[in-house]
Amino acid sequence: MGLTQKQEAFCIAYIELGVATEAYKRAYSAKGMSRAAVKTEASKTMAKPHIASRLAELRAPSVASAKLSLEQHMNDLGKLRDKAEKAEDYGAAIRAEVARGKAAGLYVERIDMNLTGSLAERLARARARGG
């Protein structure tokens, strides 16, 4: 199903602005409409399958670019790890591998929000955990 000019304008505005109500106002004549009415119409527009499909098409280049950037980053870190390992610099090799793991989302930074005890006690607990 093809999009109307206004639907295409809505999709382009949504990609640019990231806010459905603002995209709706830009693409359609919303003068005289209440904020609630604009929100309702924008929501209905977003729910249409052909709109969702077009938005996915418009996002595809950005998604592909981000994926390629992550892939290149991972490859570069892998090469650095391999060079460090070959040079028997195992500390650098491990740091590169940890960086790869972080980039891939394998590590989650944890913050201890336990505020009981003195600063010295909290630091001692953190050291005991290896943090």
C-alpha atoms as a PDB file:
ATOM      1  CA  MET A   1       0.000   0.000   0.000  1.00  0.00           C
ATOM      2  CA  GLY A   2       1.441   3.361  -1.018  1.00  0.00           C
ATOM      3  CA  LEU A   3       1.592   6.348   1.264  1.00  0.00           C
ATOM      4  CA  THR A   4      -0.129   9.624   0.650  1.00  0.00           C
ATOM      5  CA  GLN A   5       2.006  12.753   0.447  1.00  0.00           C
ATOM      6  CA  LYS A   6       0.946  13.692   3.960  1.00  0.00           C
ATOM      7  CA  GLN A   7       1.789  10.249   5.307  1.00  0.00           C
ATOM      8  CA  GLU A   8       5.226  10.414   3.678  1.00  0.00           C
ATOM      9  CA  ALA A   9       5.717  13.901   5.119  1.00  0.00           C
ATOM     10  CA  PHE A  10       4.693  12.552   8.532  1.00  0.00           C
ATOM     11  CA  CYS A  11       7.251   9.741   8.285  1.00  0.00           C
ATOM     12  CA  ILE A  12      10.053  12.072   7.244  1.00  0.00           C
ATOM     13  CA  ALA A  13       9.172  14.541   9.995  1.00  0.00           C
ATOM     14  CA  TYR A  14       9.026  11.724  12.547  1.00  0.00           C
ATOM     15  CA  ILE A  15      12.491  10.481  11.566  1.00  0.00           C
ATOM     16  CA  GLU A  16      13.804  14.042  11.798  1.00  0.00           C
ATOM     17  CA  LEU A  17      12.052  15.049  15.038  1.00  0.00           C
ATOM     18  CA  GLY A  18      11.454  11.760  16.830  1.00  0.00           C
ATOM     19  CA  VAL A  19       8.131  13.037  18.199  1.00  0.00           C
ATOM     20  CA  ALA A  20       4.906  11.795  16.633  1.00  0.00           C
ATOM     21  CA  THR A  21       2.769  14.758  17.697  1.00  0.00           C
ATOM     22  CA  GLU A  22       5.215  17.263  16.221  1.00  0.00           C
ATOM     23  CA  ALA A  23       5.490  15.202  13.039  1.00  0.00           C
ATOM     24  CA  TYR A  24       1.697  15.127  12.790  1.00  0.00           C
ATOM     25  CA  LYS A  25       1.484  18.902  13.194  1.00  0.00           C
ATOM     26  CA  ARG A  26       4.103  19.389  10.491  1.00  0.00           C
ATOM     27  CA  ALA A  27       2.496  16.999   7.980  1.00  0.00           C
ATOM     28  CA  TYR A  28      -1.208  17.624   8.547  1.00  0.00           C
ATOM     29  CA  SER A  29      -3.366  20.652   9.085  1.00  0.00           C
ATOM     30  CA  ALA A  30      -3.638  20.573  12.870  1.00  0.00           C
ATOM     31  CA  LYS A  31      -4.688  24.173  13.445  1.00  0.00           C
ATOM     32  CA  GLY A  32      -7.650  24.354  15.752  1.00  0.00           C
ATOM     33  CA  MET A  33      -7.031  20.821  17.053  1.00  0.00           C
ATOM     34  CA  SER A  34      -6.563  20.325  20.767  1.00  0.00           C
ATOM     35  CA  ARG A  35      -3.318  18.852  22.052  1.00  0.00           C
ATOM     36  CA  ALA A  36      -5.205  15.668  22.969  1.00  0.00           C
ATOM     37  CA  ALA A  37      -6.686  15.381  19.475  1.00  0.00           C
ATOM     38  CA  VAL A  38      -3.268  15.804  17.853  1.00  0.00           C
ATOM     39  CA  LYS A  39      -1.844  13.160  20.179  1.00  0.00           C
ATOM     40  CA  THR A  40      -4.674  10.762  19.318  1.00  0.00           C
ATOM     41  CA  GLU A  41      -4.305  11.270  15.568  1.00  0.00           C
ATOM     42  CA  ALA A  42      -0.522  10.970  15.746  1.00  0.00           C
ATOM     43  CA  SER A  43      -0.890   7.721  17.678  1.00  0.00           C
ATOM     44  CA  LYS A  44      -3.377   6.361  15.121  1.00  0.00           C
ATOM     45  CA  THR A  45      -1.001   7.311  12.316  1.00  0.00           C
ATOM     46  CA  MET A  46       1.941   5.588  14.018  1.00  0.00           C
ATOM     47  CA  ALA A  47      -0.154   2.422  14.476  1.00  0.00           C
ATOM     48  CA  LYS A  48      -0.776   1.970  10.747  1.00  0.00           C
ATOM     49  CA  PRO A  49       1.274  -0.947   9.382  1.00  0.00           C
ATOM     50  CA  HIS A  50       2.327   0.869   6.214  1.00  0.00           C
ATOM     51  CA  ILE A  51       3.551   3.818   8.301  1.00  0.00           C
ATOM     52  CA  ALA A  52       5.582   1.489  10.535  1.00  0.00           C
ATOM     53  CA  SER A  53       6.998  -0.179   7.439  1.00  0.00           C
ATOM     54  CA  ARG A  54       8.017   3.138   5.904  1.00  0.00           C
ATOM     55  CA  LEU A  55       9.614   4.284   9.161  1.00  0.00           C
ATOM     56  CA  ALA A  56      11.640   1.056   9.222  1.00  0.00           C
ATOM     57  CA  GLU A  57      12.772   1.750   5.645  1.00  0.00           C
ATOM     58  CA  LEU A  58      13.821   5.274   6.564  1.00  0.00           C
ATOM     59  CA  ARG A  59      15.714   4.044   9.641  1.00  0.00           C
ATOM     60  CA  ALA A  60      17.495   1.199   7.812  1.00  0.00           C
ATOM     61  CA  PRO A  61      20.536   3.191   6.643  1.00  0.00           C
ATOM     62  CA  SER A  62      21.185   4.490  10.160  1.00  0.00           C
ATOM     63  CA  VAL A  63      20.820   1.018  11.650  1.00  0.00           C
ATOM     64  CA  ALA A  64      23.164  -0.456   9.033  1.00  0.00           C
ATOM     65  CA  SER A  65      25.694   2.322   9.609  1.00  0.00           C
ATOM     66  CA  ALA A  66      25.656   1.781  13.378  1.00  0.00           C
ATOM     67  CA  LYS A  67      26.087  -1.965  12.899  1.00  0.00           C
ATOM     68  CA  LEU A  68      29.025  -1.461  10.562  1.00  0.00           C
ATOM     69  CA  SER A  69      30.609   0.940  13.016  1.00  0.00           C
ATOM     70  CA  LEU A  70      30.283  -1.590  15.851  1.00  0.00           C
ATOM     71  CA  GLU A  71      31.622  -4.379  13.638  1.00  0.00           C
ATOM     72  CA  GLN A  72      34.624  -2.271  12.653  1.00  0.00           C
ATOM     73  CA  HIS A  73      35.210  -1.298  16.259  1.00  0.00           C
ATOM     74  CA  MET A  74      35.104  -4.945  17.332  1.00  0.00           C
ATOM     75  CA  ASN A  75      37.462  -5.930  14.507  1.00  0.00           C
ATOM     76  CA  ASP A  76      39.914  -3.175  15.404  1.00  0.00           C
ATOM     77  CA  LEU A  77      39.934  -4.195  19.061  1.00  0.00           C
ATOM     78  CA  GLY A  78      40.429  -7.818  18.026  1.00  0.00           C
ATOM     79  CA  LYS A  79      43.428  -6.863  15.909  1.00  0.00           C
ATOM     80  CA  LEU A  80      44.918  -4.874  18.784  1.00  0.00           C
ATOM     81  CA  ARG A  81      44.363  -7.813  21.127  1.00  0.00           C
ATOM     82  CA  ASP A  82      46.067 -10.173  18.673  1.00  0.00           C
ATOM     83  CA  LYS A  83      49.056  -7.843  18.264  1.00  0.00           C
ATOM     84  CA  ALA A  84      49.411  -7.441  22.030  1.00  0.00           C
ATOM     85  CA  GLU A  85      49.195 -11.199  22.524  1.00  0.00           C
ATOM     86  CA  LYS A  86      51.775 -11.788  19.794  1.00  0.00           C
ATOM     87  CA  ALA A  87      54.075  -9.289  21.539  1.00  0.00           C
ATOM     88  CA  GLU A  88      53.414 -11.210  24.781  1.00  0.00           C
ATOM     89  CA  ASP A  89      51.881  -8.086  26.318  1.00  0.00           C
ATOM     90  CA  TYR A  90      49.111 -10.035  27.954  1.00  0.00           C
ATOM     91  CA  GLY A  91      47.869  -7.114  30.046  1.00  0.00           C
ATOM     92  CA  ALA A  92      47.178  -5.088  26.901  1.00  0.00           C
ATOM     93  CA  ALA A  93      45.633  -8.161  25.239  1.00  0.00           C
ATOM     94  CA  ILE A  94      43.286  -8.657  28.179  1.00  0.00           C
ATOM     95  CA  ARG A  95      42.340  -4.954  28.240  1.00  0.00           C
ATOM     96  CA  ALA A  96      41.536  -5.086  24.509  1.00  0.00           C
ATOM     97  CA  GLU A  97      39.425  -8.197  25.002  1.00  0.00           C
ATOM     98  CA  VAL A  98      37.580  -6.601  27.936  1.00  0.00           C
ATOM     99  CA  ALA A  99      36.935  -3.543  25.757  1.00  0.00           C
ATOM    100  CA  ARG A 100      35.487  -5.848  23.086  1.00  0.00           C
ATOM    101  CA  GLY A 101      33.247  -7.449  25.694  1.00  0.00           C
ATOM    102  CA  LYS A 102      32.029  -4.066  26.913  1.00  0.00           C
ATOM    103  CA  ALA A 103      31.314  -2.916  23.357  1.00  0.00           C
ATOM    104  CA  ALA A 104      29.333  -6.115  22.771  1.00  0.00           C
ATOM    105  CA  GLY A 105      27.339  -5.547  25.968  1.00  0.00           C
ATOM    106  CA  LEU A 106      28.768  -8.543  27.817  1.00  0.00           C
ATOM    107  CA  TYR A 107      29.727  -6.491  30.854  1.00  0.00           C
ATOM    108  CA  VAL A 108      27.356  -4.408  32.917  1.00  0.00           C
ATOM    109  CA  GLU A 109      28.779  -1.696  35.130  1.00  0.00           C
ATOM    110  CA  ARG A 110      27.392  -1.995  38.633  1.00  0.00           C
ATOM    111  CA  ILE A 111      27.174   0.853  41.114  1.00  0.00           C
ATOM    112  CA  ASP A 112      26.798   0.050  44.791  1.00  0.00           C
ATOM    113  CA  MET A 113      24.127   2.364  46.137  1.00  0.00           C
ATOM    114  CA  ASN A 114      24.471   1.020  49.682  1.00  0.00           C
ATOM    115  CA  LEU A 115      24.960   4.204  51.672  1.00  0.00           C
ATOM    116  CA  THR A 116      25.253   2.634  55.108  1.00  0.00           C
ATOM    117  CA  GLY A 117      28.509   2.856  56.993  1.00  0.00           C
ATOM    118  CA  SER A 118      31.434   5.176  56.626  1.00  0.00           C
ATOM    119  CA  LEU A 119      33.271   5.838  53.397  1.00  0.00           C
ATOM    120  CA  ALA A 120      36.127   3.653  54.632  1.00  0.00           C
ATOM    121  CA  GLU A 121      33.739   0.754  55.299  1.00  0.00           C
ATOM    122  CA  ARG A 122      32.160   1.103  51.841  1.00  0.00           C
ATOM    123  CA  LEU A 123      35.581   1.160  50.186  1.00  0.00           C
ATOM    124  CA  ALA A 124      36.631  -1.928  52.137  1.00  0.00           C
ATOM    125  CA  ARG A 125      33.469  -3.764  51.001  1.00  0.00           C
ATOM    126  CA  ALA A 126      34.131  -2.720  47.411  1.00  0.00           C
ATOM    127  CA  ARG A 127      37.739  -3.952  47.590  1.00  0.00           C
ATOM    128  CA  ALA A 128      36.578  -7.243  49.108  1.00  0.00           C
ATOM    129  CA  ARG A 129      34.262  -7.728  46.115  1.00  0.00           C
ATOM    130  CA  GLY A 130      37.087  -6.936  43.747  1.00  0.00           C
ATOM    131  CA  GLY A 131      35.656  -3.546  42.706  1.00  0.00           C
END
